[in-house]
């Protein structure tokens, strides 16, 4: 949702979408994926995510542009802004409780939501489109099983680097390296 809002994608926009969705275990949804969106007159959006990192680390959203980048660790509400030619600045922000926000708007019709419902239309459209996309099984040779302090989990060799490169180059995983047996 945030990336669509930042790119200025509105309810009337119909972004062109390309996705690669993968799973490492017998589930109905993906645990690793890459999504590229393009809407006329808007900056491109590339999203790459996984639950199968070799080394689990806190998740973040990375936004890059001509003048720098911003990295938001959404579990801790920490934002790092790095503008070209300047030292990076780190900020901590207060969290908005979206359920409380909704209840406040229901109780008081004059109150506005932090994120108006009509602004969620592009996000919902992308999620609905993604739900209809195929999810491919990562072949056994490309995944590993781990048992650590958080319990059993799967990982995909090199997926952290693939995610960083996919976002930096606005490419899908299959455009970065051969994925034997994945497609």
N, C-alpha and C. Protein backbone atom coordinates (compact mmCIF):
# COMPACT_ATOMS: atom_id res chain seq x y z
N UNK A 1 0.83 -1.19 0.00
CA UNK A 1 0.00 0.00 0.00
C UNK A 1 0.87 1.25 0.00
N UNK A 2 1.88 1.26 0.86
CA UNK A 2 2.72 2.45 0.98
C UNK A 2 3.42 2.80 -0.33
N UNK A 3 3.93 1.80 -1.03
CA UNK A 3 4.67 2.10 -2.27
C UNK A 3 3.73 2.65 -3.32
N UNK A 4 2.49 2.18 -3.40
CA UNK A 4 1.54 2.72 -4.37
C UNK A 4 1.21 4.17 -4.04
N UNK A 5 1.04 4.45 -2.76
CA UNK A 5 0.76 5.83 -2.33
C UNK A 5 1.93 6.74 -2.65
N UNK A 6 3.16 6.30 -2.31
CA UNK A 6 4.34 7.12 -2.58
C UNK A 6 4.53 7.38 -4.07
N UNK A 7 4.17 6.40 -4.91
CA UNK A 7 4.32 6.57 -6.36
C UNK A 7 3.18 7.38 -6.97
N UNK A 8 2.19 7.73 -6.16
CA UNK A 8 1.08 8.53 -6.66
C UNK A 8 0.06 7.73 -7.45
N UNK A 9 0.04 6.40 -7.28
CA UNK A 9 -0.93 5.57 -7.99
C UNK A 9 -2.28 5.77 -7.32
N UNK A 10 -3.27 6.19 -8.11
CA UNK A 10 -4.59 6.47 -7.58
C UNK A 10 -5.62 5.45 -8.00
N UNK A 11 -6.85 5.65 -7.55
CA UNK A 11 -7.93 4.70 -7.81
C UNK A 11 -8.18 4.51 -9.31
N UNK A 12 -7.95 5.54 -10.12
CA UNK A 12 -8.21 5.43 -11.56
C UNK A 12 -7.07 4.74 -12.31
N UNK A 13 -5.90 4.65 -11.69
CA UNK A 13 -4.76 4.02 -12.34
C UNK A 13 -4.93 2.50 -12.39
N UNK A 14 -4.50 1.91 -13.47
CA UNK A 14 -4.50 0.45 -13.63
C UNK A 14 -3.07 0.02 -13.93
N UNK A 15 -2.26 -0.19 -12.89
CA UNK A 15 -0.86 -0.53 -13.15
C UNK A 15 -0.72 -1.88 -13.85
N UNK A 16 0.26 -1.96 -14.74
CA UNK A 16 0.63 -3.23 -15.38
C UNK A 16 1.46 -3.99 -14.35
N UNK A 17 1.15 -5.26 -14.16
CA UNK A 17 1.82 -6.04 -13.12
C UNK A 17 2.47 -7.29 -13.70
N UNK A 18 3.65 -7.61 -13.15
CA UNK A 18 4.36 -8.84 -13.46
C UNK A 18 4.79 -9.43 -12.12
N UNK A 19 4.56 -10.73 -11.94
CA UNK A 19 4.90 -11.34 -10.65
C UNK A 19 5.53 -12.71 -10.84
N UNK A 20 6.37 -13.05 -9.91
CA UNK A 20 6.92 -14.40 -9.77
C UNK A 20 6.72 -14.79 -8.31
N UNK A 21 5.93 -15.83 -8.09
CA UNK A 21 5.60 -16.26 -6.74
C UNK A 21 6.08 -17.70 -6.54
N UNK A 22 6.73 -17.95 -5.41
CA UNK A 22 7.32 -19.25 -5.13
C UNK A 22 6.96 -19.70 -3.72
N UNK A 23 7.03 -21.02 -3.52
CA UNK A 23 6.82 -21.60 -2.20
C UNK A 23 7.84 -22.70 -2.00
N UNK A 24 8.23 -22.89 -0.76
CA UNK A 24 9.23 -23.91 -0.44
C UNK A 24 8.61 -25.11 0.26
N UNK A 25 7.34 -25.04 0.53
CA UNK A 25 6.66 -26.14 1.23
C UNK A 25 5.25 -26.26 0.70
N UNK A 26 4.54 -27.32 1.07
CA UNK A 26 3.20 -27.55 0.51
C UNK A 26 2.14 -26.65 1.15
N UNK A 27 2.13 -25.40 0.71
CA UNK A 27 1.14 -24.43 1.16
C UNK A 27 0.46 -23.86 -0.08
N UNK A 28 -0.65 -23.17 0.09
CA UNK A 28 -1.40 -22.65 -1.05
C UNK A 28 -0.91 -21.28 -1.50
N UNK A 29 -0.11 -20.62 -0.70
CA UNK A 29 0.36 -19.27 -1.04
C UNK A 29 1.88 -19.26 -1.12
N UNK A 30 2.41 -18.14 -1.55
CA UNK A 30 3.86 -18.02 -1.69
C UNK A 30 4.52 -17.70 -0.36
N UNK A 31 5.82 -18.03 -0.26
CA UNK A 31 6.61 -17.55 0.86
C UNK A 31 7.78 -16.72 0.35
N UNK A 32 7.87 -16.60 -0.98
CA UNK A 32 8.89 -15.77 -1.62
C UNK A 32 8.28 -15.23 -2.91
N UNK A 33 8.48 -13.95 -3.17
CA UNK A 33 7.91 -13.42 -4.39
C UNK A 33 8.54 -12.12 -4.83
N UNK A 34 8.29 -11.81 -6.09
CA UNK A 34 8.77 -10.56 -6.69
C UNK A 34 7.64 -10.00 -7.53
N UNK A 35 7.38 -8.72 -7.38
CA UNK A 35 6.30 -8.04 -8.08
C UNK A 35 6.84 -6.75 -8.68
N UNK A 36 6.55 -6.54 -9.96
CA UNK A 36 6.95 -5.28 -10.61
C UNK A 36 5.68 -4.64 -11.15
N UNK A 37 5.48 -3.37 -10.79
CA UNK A 37 4.30 -2.61 -11.21
C UNK A 37 4.71 -1.39 -12.01
N UNK A 38 3.94 -1.08 -13.04
CA UNK A 38 4.20 0.13 -13.83
C UNK A 38 2.86 0.77 -14.15
N UNK A 39 2.73 2.05 -13.83
CA UNK A 39 1.53 2.82 -14.16
C UNK A 39 1.99 4.03 -14.97
N UNK A 40 1.27 4.37 -16.03
CA UNK A 40 1.68 5.50 -16.87
C UNK A 40 1.91 6.77 -16.06
N UNK A 41 3.06 7.41 -16.29
CA UNK A 41 3.38 8.65 -15.62
C UNK A 41 3.79 8.51 -14.17
N UNK A 42 3.98 7.30 -13.70
CA UNK A 42 4.35 7.05 -12.30
C UNK A 42 5.69 6.34 -12.26
N UNK A 43 6.44 6.48 -11.17
CA UNK A 43 7.71 5.75 -11.07
C UNK A 43 7.45 4.25 -10.96
N UNK A 44 8.37 3.44 -11.47
CA UNK A 44 8.19 1.99 -11.37
C UNK A 44 8.28 1.53 -9.92
N UNK A 45 7.59 0.43 -9.63
CA UNK A 45 7.59 -0.14 -8.28
C UNK A 45 8.04 -1.59 -8.40
N UNK A 46 9.03 -1.96 -7.62
CA UNK A 46 9.46 -3.35 -7.55
C UNK A 46 9.46 -3.78 -6.09
N UNK A 47 8.80 -4.89 -5.84
CA UNK A 47 8.70 -5.44 -4.48
C UNK A 47 9.26 -6.85 -4.52
N UNK A 48 10.17 -7.15 -3.63
CA UNK A 48 10.72 -8.50 -3.52
C UNK A 48 10.73 -8.87 -2.04
N UNK A 49 10.15 -10.01 -1.72
CA UNK A 49 9.99 -10.41 -0.32
C UNK A 49 10.24 -11.91 -0.16
N UNK A 50 10.58 -12.30 1.07
CA UNK A 50 10.73 -13.72 1.38
C UNK A 50 10.52 -13.97 2.86
N UNK A 51 10.07 -15.15 3.15
CA UNK A 51 10.06 -15.68 4.51
C UNK A 51 11.12 -16.75 4.63
N UNK A 52 11.96 -16.87 3.59
CA UNK A 52 12.92 -17.98 3.49
C UNK A 52 14.37 -17.51 3.41
N UNK A 53 14.69 -16.45 4.13
CA UNK A 53 16.07 -15.96 4.15
C UNK A 53 16.97 -16.98 4.85
N UNK A 54 18.21 -17.04 4.40
CA UNK A 54 19.17 -17.93 5.06
C UNK A 54 19.47 -17.43 6.46
N UNK A 55 19.54 -16.09 6.61
CA UNK A 55 19.77 -15.47 7.91
C UNK A 55 18.60 -14.52 8.18
N UNK A 56 17.65 -14.94 9.00
CA UNK A 56 16.51 -14.05 9.28
C UNK A 56 16.98 -12.71 9.84
N UNK A 57 16.34 -11.64 9.39
CA UNK A 57 16.65 -10.30 9.88
C UNK A 57 15.38 -9.46 9.85
N UNK A 58 15.36 -8.34 10.53
CA UNK A 58 14.14 -7.53 10.57
C UNK A 58 13.74 -7.06 9.17
N UNK A 59 12.44 -7.14 8.84
CA UNK A 59 11.98 -6.72 7.52
C UNK A 59 11.96 -5.20 7.40
N UNK A 60 12.10 -4.72 6.17
CA UNK A 60 12.09 -3.29 5.92
C UNK A 60 11.54 -3.02 4.52
N UNK A 61 11.16 -1.77 4.31
CA UNK A 61 10.75 -1.28 3.00
C UNK A 61 11.82 -0.31 2.56
N UNK A 62 12.32 -0.47 1.33
CA UNK A 62 13.35 0.41 0.78
C UNK A 62 12.75 1.19 -0.38
N UNK A 63 12.85 2.50 -0.30
CA UNK A 63 12.39 3.39 -1.37
C UNK A 63 13.61 4.10 -1.91
N UNK A 64 13.82 4.00 -3.22
CA UNK A 64 14.96 4.69 -3.83
C UNK A 64 14.47 5.68 -4.88
N UNK A 65 15.23 6.73 -5.04
CA UNK A 65 14.89 7.74 -6.03
C UNK A 65 16.14 8.42 -6.53
N UNK A 66 15.97 9.46 -7.30
CA UNK A 66 17.10 10.16 -7.90
C UNK A 66 17.98 10.86 -6.86
N UNK A 67 17.41 11.27 -5.74
CA UNK A 67 18.16 12.04 -4.74
C UNK A 67 18.62 11.23 -3.54
N UNK A 68 18.22 9.94 -3.46
CA UNK A 68 18.64 9.15 -2.32
C UNK A 68 17.70 8.00 -2.06
N UNK A 69 17.67 7.58 -0.80
CA UNK A 69 16.83 6.45 -0.43
C UNK A 69 16.30 6.62 0.99
N UNK A 70 15.26 5.86 1.27
CA UNK A 70 14.69 5.79 2.61
C UNK A 70 14.45 4.32 2.91
N UNK A 71 14.83 3.90 4.10
CA UNK A 71 14.64 2.51 4.54
C UNK A 71 13.81 2.57 5.82
N UNK A 72 12.67 1.86 5.80
CA UNK A 72 11.74 1.87 6.92
C UNK A 72 11.61 0.46 7.49
N UNK A 73 12.06 0.29 8.74
CA UNK A 73 11.89 -0.97 9.45
C UNK A 73 10.54 -0.88 10.13
N UNK A 74 9.52 -1.47 9.49
CA UNK A 74 8.15 -1.25 9.93
C UNK A 74 7.77 -1.96 11.22
N UNK A 75 8.53 -2.94 11.65
CA UNK A 75 8.21 -3.55 12.95
C UNK A 75 8.63 -2.68 14.12
N UNK A 76 9.60 -1.80 13.88
CA UNK A 76 10.10 -0.94 14.95
C UNK A 76 9.85 0.55 14.68
N UNK A 77 9.25 0.88 13.54
CA UNK A 77 8.92 2.26 13.18
C UNK A 77 10.16 3.15 13.07
N UNK A 78 11.28 2.57 12.64
CA UNK A 78 12.52 3.32 12.44
C UNK A 78 12.65 3.63 10.96
N UNK A 79 12.97 4.89 10.66
CA UNK A 79 13.13 5.35 9.29
C UNK A 79 14.54 5.92 9.13
N UNK A 80 15.26 5.44 8.13
CA UNK A 80 16.59 5.97 7.81
C UNK A 80 16.50 6.64 6.44
N UNK A 81 16.89 7.91 6.40
CA UNK A 81 16.85 8.67 5.15
C UNK A 81 18.29 9.00 4.76
N UNK A 82 18.66 8.60 3.54
CA UNK A 82 20.01 8.84 3.03
C UNK A 82 19.91 9.62 1.73
N UNK A 83 20.22 10.92 1.80
CA UNK A 83 20.20 11.77 0.61
C UNK A 83 21.63 11.92 0.09
N UNK A 84 21.76 11.98 -1.21
CA UNK A 84 23.09 12.09 -1.83
C UNK A 84 23.85 13.28 -1.25
N UNK A 85 25.10 13.05 -0.87
CA UNK A 85 25.95 14.11 -0.37
C UNK A 85 25.70 14.51 1.07
N UNK A 86 24.83 13.81 1.78
CA UNK A 86 24.53 14.13 3.17
C UNK A 86 24.64 12.88 4.03
N UNK A 87 24.95 13.04 5.31
CA UNK A 87 24.95 11.87 6.19
C UNK A 87 23.52 11.35 6.37
N UNK A 88 23.40 10.05 6.52
CA UNK A 88 22.08 9.44 6.74
C UNK A 88 21.50 9.92 8.06
N UNK A 89 20.19 10.08 8.09
CA UNK A 89 19.46 10.51 9.28
C UNK A 89 18.52 9.38 9.67
N UNK A 90 18.52 9.02 10.95
CA UNK A 90 17.63 7.98 11.44
C UNK A 90 16.61 8.60 12.37
N UNK A 91 15.34 8.26 12.15
CA UNK A 91 14.24 8.78 12.95
C UNK A 91 13.38 7.64 13.46
N UNK A 92 12.80 7.81 14.63
CA UNK A 92 11.82 6.85 15.15
C UNK A 92 10.48 7.57 15.18
N UNK A 93 9.46 6.89 14.67
CA UNK A 93 8.13 7.50 14.57
C UNK A 93 7.12 6.75 15.43
N UNK A 94 6.11 7.47 15.87
CA UNK A 94 5.03 6.86 16.65
C UNK A 94 4.14 6.04 15.72
N UNK A 95 3.67 4.93 16.21
CA UNK A 95 2.80 4.05 15.43
C UNK A 95 1.36 4.53 15.53
N UNK A 96 0.64 4.45 14.41
CA UNK A 96 -0.79 4.75 14.40
C UNK A 96 -1.52 3.42 14.52
N UNK A 97 -2.36 3.29 15.53
CA UNK A 97 -3.17 2.08 15.71
C UNK A 97 -4.35 2.18 14.74
N UNK A 98 -4.29 1.41 13.66
CA UNK A 98 -5.29 1.53 12.60
C UNK A 98 -6.67 1.06 13.04
N UNK A 99 -6.74 0.11 13.95
CA UNK A 99 -8.05 -0.31 14.45
C UNK A 99 -8.68 0.82 15.26
N UNK A 100 -7.90 1.44 16.13
CA UNK A 100 -8.41 2.58 16.90
C UNK A 100 -8.82 3.72 15.97
N UNK A 101 -8.04 3.94 14.93
CA UNK A 101 -8.35 4.97 13.95
C UNK A 101 -9.70 4.69 13.28
N UNK A 102 -9.93 3.44 12.90
CA UNK A 102 -11.20 3.05 12.28
C UNK A 102 -12.36 3.22 13.25
N UNK A 103 -12.19 2.76 14.49
CA UNK A 103 -13.26 2.89 15.48
C UNK A 103 -13.59 4.35 15.75
N UNK A 104 -12.57 5.21 15.78
CA UNK A 104 -12.79 6.65 15.98
C UNK A 104 -13.62 7.22 14.83
N UNK A 105 -13.31 6.81 13.60
CA UNK A 105 -14.04 7.31 12.43
C UNK A 105 -15.48 6.79 12.41
N UNK A 106 -15.70 5.61 12.93
CA UNK A 106 -17.06 5.06 12.99
C UNK A 106 -17.88 5.83 14.02
N UNK A 107 -17.24 6.13 15.15
CA UNK A 107 -17.94 6.85 16.22
C UNK A 107 -18.23 8.31 15.84
N UNK A 108 -17.31 8.91 15.09
CA UNK A 108 -17.43 10.33 14.74
C UNK A 108 -17.34 10.47 13.22
N UNK A 109 -18.47 10.61 12.53
CA UNK A 109 -18.46 10.69 11.07
C UNK A 109 -17.65 11.87 10.50
N UNK A 110 -17.34 12.85 11.34
CA UNK A 110 -16.53 13.98 10.87
C UNK A 110 -15.04 13.66 10.88
N UNK A 111 -14.66 12.59 11.60
CA UNK A 111 -13.25 12.20 11.69
C UNK A 111 -12.83 11.54 10.38
N UNK A 112 -11.59 11.79 10.00
CA UNK A 112 -11.08 11.14 8.79
C UNK A 112 -10.10 10.04 9.18
N UNK A 113 -10.02 9.03 8.34
CA UNK A 113 -9.11 7.92 8.58
C UNK A 113 -7.68 8.32 8.21
N UNK A 114 -6.71 7.72 8.87
CA UNK A 114 -5.31 7.96 8.51
C UNK A 114 -5.08 7.57 7.05
N UNK A 115 -5.77 6.53 6.60
CA UNK A 115 -5.72 6.09 5.21
C UNK A 115 -7.17 5.94 4.74
N UNK A 116 -7.68 6.91 4.00
CA UNK A 116 -9.07 6.80 3.54
C UNK A 116 -9.30 5.53 2.72
N UNK A 117 -10.45 4.92 2.91
CA UNK A 117 -10.76 3.65 2.26
C UNK A 117 -10.62 3.74 0.75
N UNK A 118 -11.04 4.83 0.14
CA UNK A 118 -10.94 4.94 -1.32
C UNK A 118 -9.49 4.92 -1.80
N UNK A 119 -8.54 5.30 -0.95
CA UNK A 119 -7.13 5.28 -1.32
C UNK A 119 -6.55 3.87 -1.34
N UNK A 120 -7.28 2.90 -0.79
CA UNK A 120 -6.78 1.52 -0.77
C UNK A 120 -7.13 0.75 -2.04
N UNK A 121 -7.93 1.34 -2.93
CA UNK A 121 -8.38 0.65 -4.14
C UNK A 121 -7.23 0.09 -4.98
N UNK A 122 -6.16 0.85 -5.26
CA UNK A 122 -5.06 0.27 -6.05
C UNK A 122 -4.42 -0.94 -5.36
N UNK A 123 -4.24 -0.85 -4.05
CA UNK A 123 -3.64 -1.96 -3.30
C UNK A 123 -4.52 -3.21 -3.37
N UNK A 124 -5.81 -3.04 -3.14
CA UNK A 124 -6.73 -4.17 -3.19
C UNK A 124 -6.74 -4.78 -4.59
N UNK A 125 -6.69 -3.94 -5.62
CA UNK A 125 -6.64 -4.46 -6.99
C UNK A 125 -5.41 -5.32 -7.24
N UNK A 126 -4.26 -4.88 -6.74
CA UNK A 126 -3.02 -5.66 -6.89
C UNK A 126 -3.12 -6.97 -6.11
N UNK A 127 -3.63 -6.93 -4.89
CA UNK A 127 -3.76 -8.15 -4.08
C UNK A 127 -4.71 -9.13 -4.76
N UNK A 128 -5.82 -8.65 -5.31
CA UNK A 128 -6.75 -9.55 -6.01
C UNK A 128 -6.08 -10.17 -7.23
N UNK A 129 -5.32 -9.38 -7.97
CA UNK A 129 -4.61 -9.90 -9.14
C UNK A 129 -3.59 -10.96 -8.71
N UNK A 130 -2.83 -10.68 -7.65
CA UNK A 130 -1.83 -11.63 -7.16
C UNK A 130 -2.46 -12.97 -6.75
N UNK A 131 -3.65 -12.91 -6.17
CA UNK A 131 -4.31 -14.14 -5.70
C UNK A 131 -4.59 -15.10 -6.86
N UNK A 132 -4.66 -14.59 -8.08
CA UNK A 132 -4.94 -15.43 -9.26
C UNK A 132 -3.67 -15.90 -9.97
N UNK A 133 -2.51 -15.51 -9.47
CA UNK A 133 -1.25 -15.87 -10.14
C UNK A 133 -0.75 -17.23 -9.66
N UNK A 134 -0.05 -17.94 -10.54
CA UNK A 134 0.48 -19.25 -10.14
C UNK A 134 1.59 -19.11 -9.09
N UNK A 135 1.64 -20.09 -8.20
CA UNK A 135 2.70 -20.17 -7.20
C UNK A 135 3.50 -21.43 -7.51
N UNK A 136 4.77 -21.25 -7.79
CA UNK A 136 5.62 -22.38 -8.18
C UNK A 136 6.41 -22.91 -6.99
N UNK A 137 6.62 -24.22 -7.00
CA UNK A 137 7.39 -24.86 -5.94
C UNK A 137 8.88 -24.71 -6.23
N UNK A 138 9.62 -24.22 -5.25
CA UNK A 138 11.08 -24.15 -5.37
C UNK A 138 11.60 -25.59 -5.32
N UNK A 139 12.42 -26.00 -6.29
CA UNK A 139 12.88 -27.39 -6.29
C UNK A 139 13.73 -27.72 -5.06
N UNK A 140 13.71 -28.98 -4.64
CA UNK A 140 14.44 -29.38 -3.42
C UNK A 140 15.91 -28.96 -3.41
N UNK A 141 16.59 -29.00 -4.55
CA UNK A 141 18.00 -28.64 -4.58
C UNK A 141 18.28 -27.17 -4.31
N UNK A 142 17.27 -26.32 -4.39
CA UNK A 142 17.46 -24.88 -4.18
C UNK A 142 16.99 -24.42 -2.81
N UNK A 143 16.49 -25.33 -2.00
CA UNK A 143 16.01 -24.96 -0.66
C UNK A 143 16.67 -25.85 0.39
N UNK A 144 16.74 -25.29 1.60
CA UNK A 144 17.33 -26.03 2.72
C UNK A 144 16.37 -25.99 3.91
N UNK A 145 16.42 -27.00 4.71
CA UNK A 145 15.60 -27.07 5.93
C UNK A 145 16.49 -26.73 7.12
N UNK A 146 16.00 -25.87 8.02
CA UNK A 146 16.73 -25.46 9.22
C UNK A 146 15.89 -25.77 10.45
N UNK A 147 16.55 -26.10 11.51
CA UNK A 147 15.91 -26.19 12.82
C UNK A 147 16.72 -25.28 13.73
N UNK A 148 16.13 -24.14 14.10
CA UNK A 148 16.82 -23.21 14.99
C UNK A 148 15.90 -22.80 16.13
N UNK A 149 16.30 -21.75 16.87
CA UNK A 149 15.55 -21.34 18.06
C UNK A 149 14.10 -20.97 17.77
N UNK A 150 13.79 -20.59 16.53
CA UNK A 150 12.40 -20.24 16.19
C UNK A 150 11.62 -21.43 15.65
N UNK A 151 12.28 -22.60 15.55
CA UNK A 151 11.60 -23.80 15.07
C UNK A 151 12.05 -24.16 13.67
N UNK A 152 11.42 -25.16 13.05
CA UNK A 152 11.81 -25.56 11.70
C UNK A 152 11.38 -24.53 10.66
N UNK A 153 12.25 -24.32 9.68
CA UNK A 153 11.94 -23.38 8.61
C UNK A 153 12.75 -23.74 7.38
N UNK A 154 12.34 -23.21 6.24
CA UNK A 154 13.05 -23.41 4.98
C UNK A 154 13.79 -22.14 4.59
N UNK A 155 14.86 -22.31 3.83
CA UNK A 155 15.55 -21.15 3.26
C UNK A 155 15.86 -21.45 1.80
N UNK A 156 16.11 -20.38 1.06
CA UNK A 156 16.48 -20.47 -0.35
C UNK A 156 17.88 -19.89 -0.48
N UNK A 157 18.79 -20.66 -1.05
CA UNK A 157 20.17 -20.20 -1.21
C UNK A 157 20.22 -18.92 -2.03
N UNK A 158 20.86 -17.88 -1.47
CA UNK A 158 21.08 -16.63 -2.19
C UNK A 158 19.89 -15.70 -2.30
N UNK A 159 18.79 -16.00 -1.63
CA UNK A 159 17.59 -15.19 -1.82
C UNK A 159 17.74 -13.76 -1.29
N UNK A 160 18.52 -13.57 -0.23
CA UNK A 160 18.70 -12.20 0.28
C UNK A 160 19.36 -11.31 -0.78
N UNK A 161 20.39 -11.83 -1.44
CA UNK A 161 21.06 -11.06 -2.49
C UNK A 161 20.13 -10.85 -3.68
N UNK A 162 19.33 -11.88 -4.01
CA UNK A 162 18.36 -11.74 -5.11
C UNK A 162 17.37 -10.62 -4.82
N UNK A 163 16.91 -10.54 -3.58
CA UNK A 163 15.95 -9.50 -3.22
C UNK A 163 16.57 -8.12 -3.36
N UNK A 164 17.78 -7.95 -2.82
CA UNK A 164 18.46 -6.65 -2.92
C UNK A 164 18.66 -6.25 -4.39
N UNK A 165 19.10 -7.19 -5.20
CA UNK A 165 19.35 -6.90 -6.62
C UNK A 165 18.05 -6.66 -7.39
N UNK A 166 17.01 -7.42 -7.09
CA UNK A 166 15.73 -7.24 -7.77
C UNK A 166 15.20 -5.83 -7.56
N UNK A 167 15.27 -5.37 -6.32
CA UNK A 167 14.77 -4.03 -6.01
C UNK A 167 15.67 -2.96 -6.62
N UNK A 168 16.98 -3.12 -6.47
CA UNK A 168 17.92 -2.11 -6.99
C UNK A 168 17.85 -1.99 -8.51
N UNK A 169 17.63 -3.11 -9.21
CA UNK A 169 17.63 -3.10 -10.67
C UNK A 169 16.23 -3.14 -11.27
N UNK A 170 15.20 -3.16 -10.45
CA UNK A 170 13.81 -3.27 -10.89
C UNK A 170 13.64 -4.46 -11.84
N UNK A 171 14.08 -5.62 -11.35
CA UNK A 171 14.00 -6.86 -12.14
C UNK A 171 13.32 -7.95 -11.32
N UNK A 172 12.76 -8.91 -12.06
CA UNK A 172 12.21 -10.09 -11.41
C UNK A 172 13.35 -11.07 -11.15
N UNK A 173 13.13 -12.04 -10.25
CA UNK A 173 14.17 -13.01 -9.91
C UNK A 173 14.72 -13.71 -11.14
N UNK A 174 13.83 -14.14 -12.05
CA UNK A 174 14.26 -14.89 -13.22
C UNK A 174 15.09 -14.04 -14.18
N UNK A 175 15.04 -12.74 -14.05
CA UNK A 175 15.85 -11.85 -14.88
C UNK A 175 17.24 -11.62 -14.29
N UNK A 176 17.44 -12.06 -13.06
CA UNK A 176 18.72 -11.85 -12.38
C UNK A 176 19.68 -13.02 -12.56
N UNK A 177 19.14 -14.24 -12.51
CA UNK A 177 19.98 -15.43 -12.62
C UNK A 177 19.11 -16.59 -13.07
N UNK A 178 19.74 -17.60 -13.64
CA UNK A 178 18.95 -18.79 -14.01
C UNK A 178 18.38 -19.45 -12.76
N UNK A 179 17.15 -19.84 -12.83
CA UNK A 179 16.48 -20.52 -11.73
C UNK A 179 16.10 -21.92 -12.21
N UNK A 180 17.06 -22.83 -12.30
CA UNK A 180 16.79 -24.15 -12.86
C UNK A 180 15.64 -24.85 -12.15
N UNK A 181 14.66 -25.25 -12.93
CA UNK A 181 13.54 -25.99 -12.37
C UNK A 181 12.49 -25.13 -11.67
N UNK A 182 12.73 -23.82 -11.53
CA UNK A 182 11.78 -22.97 -10.84
C UNK A 182 10.60 -22.61 -11.71
N UNK A 183 10.84 -22.42 -13.01
CA UNK A 183 9.78 -21.90 -13.87
C UNK A 183 9.10 -22.99 -14.66
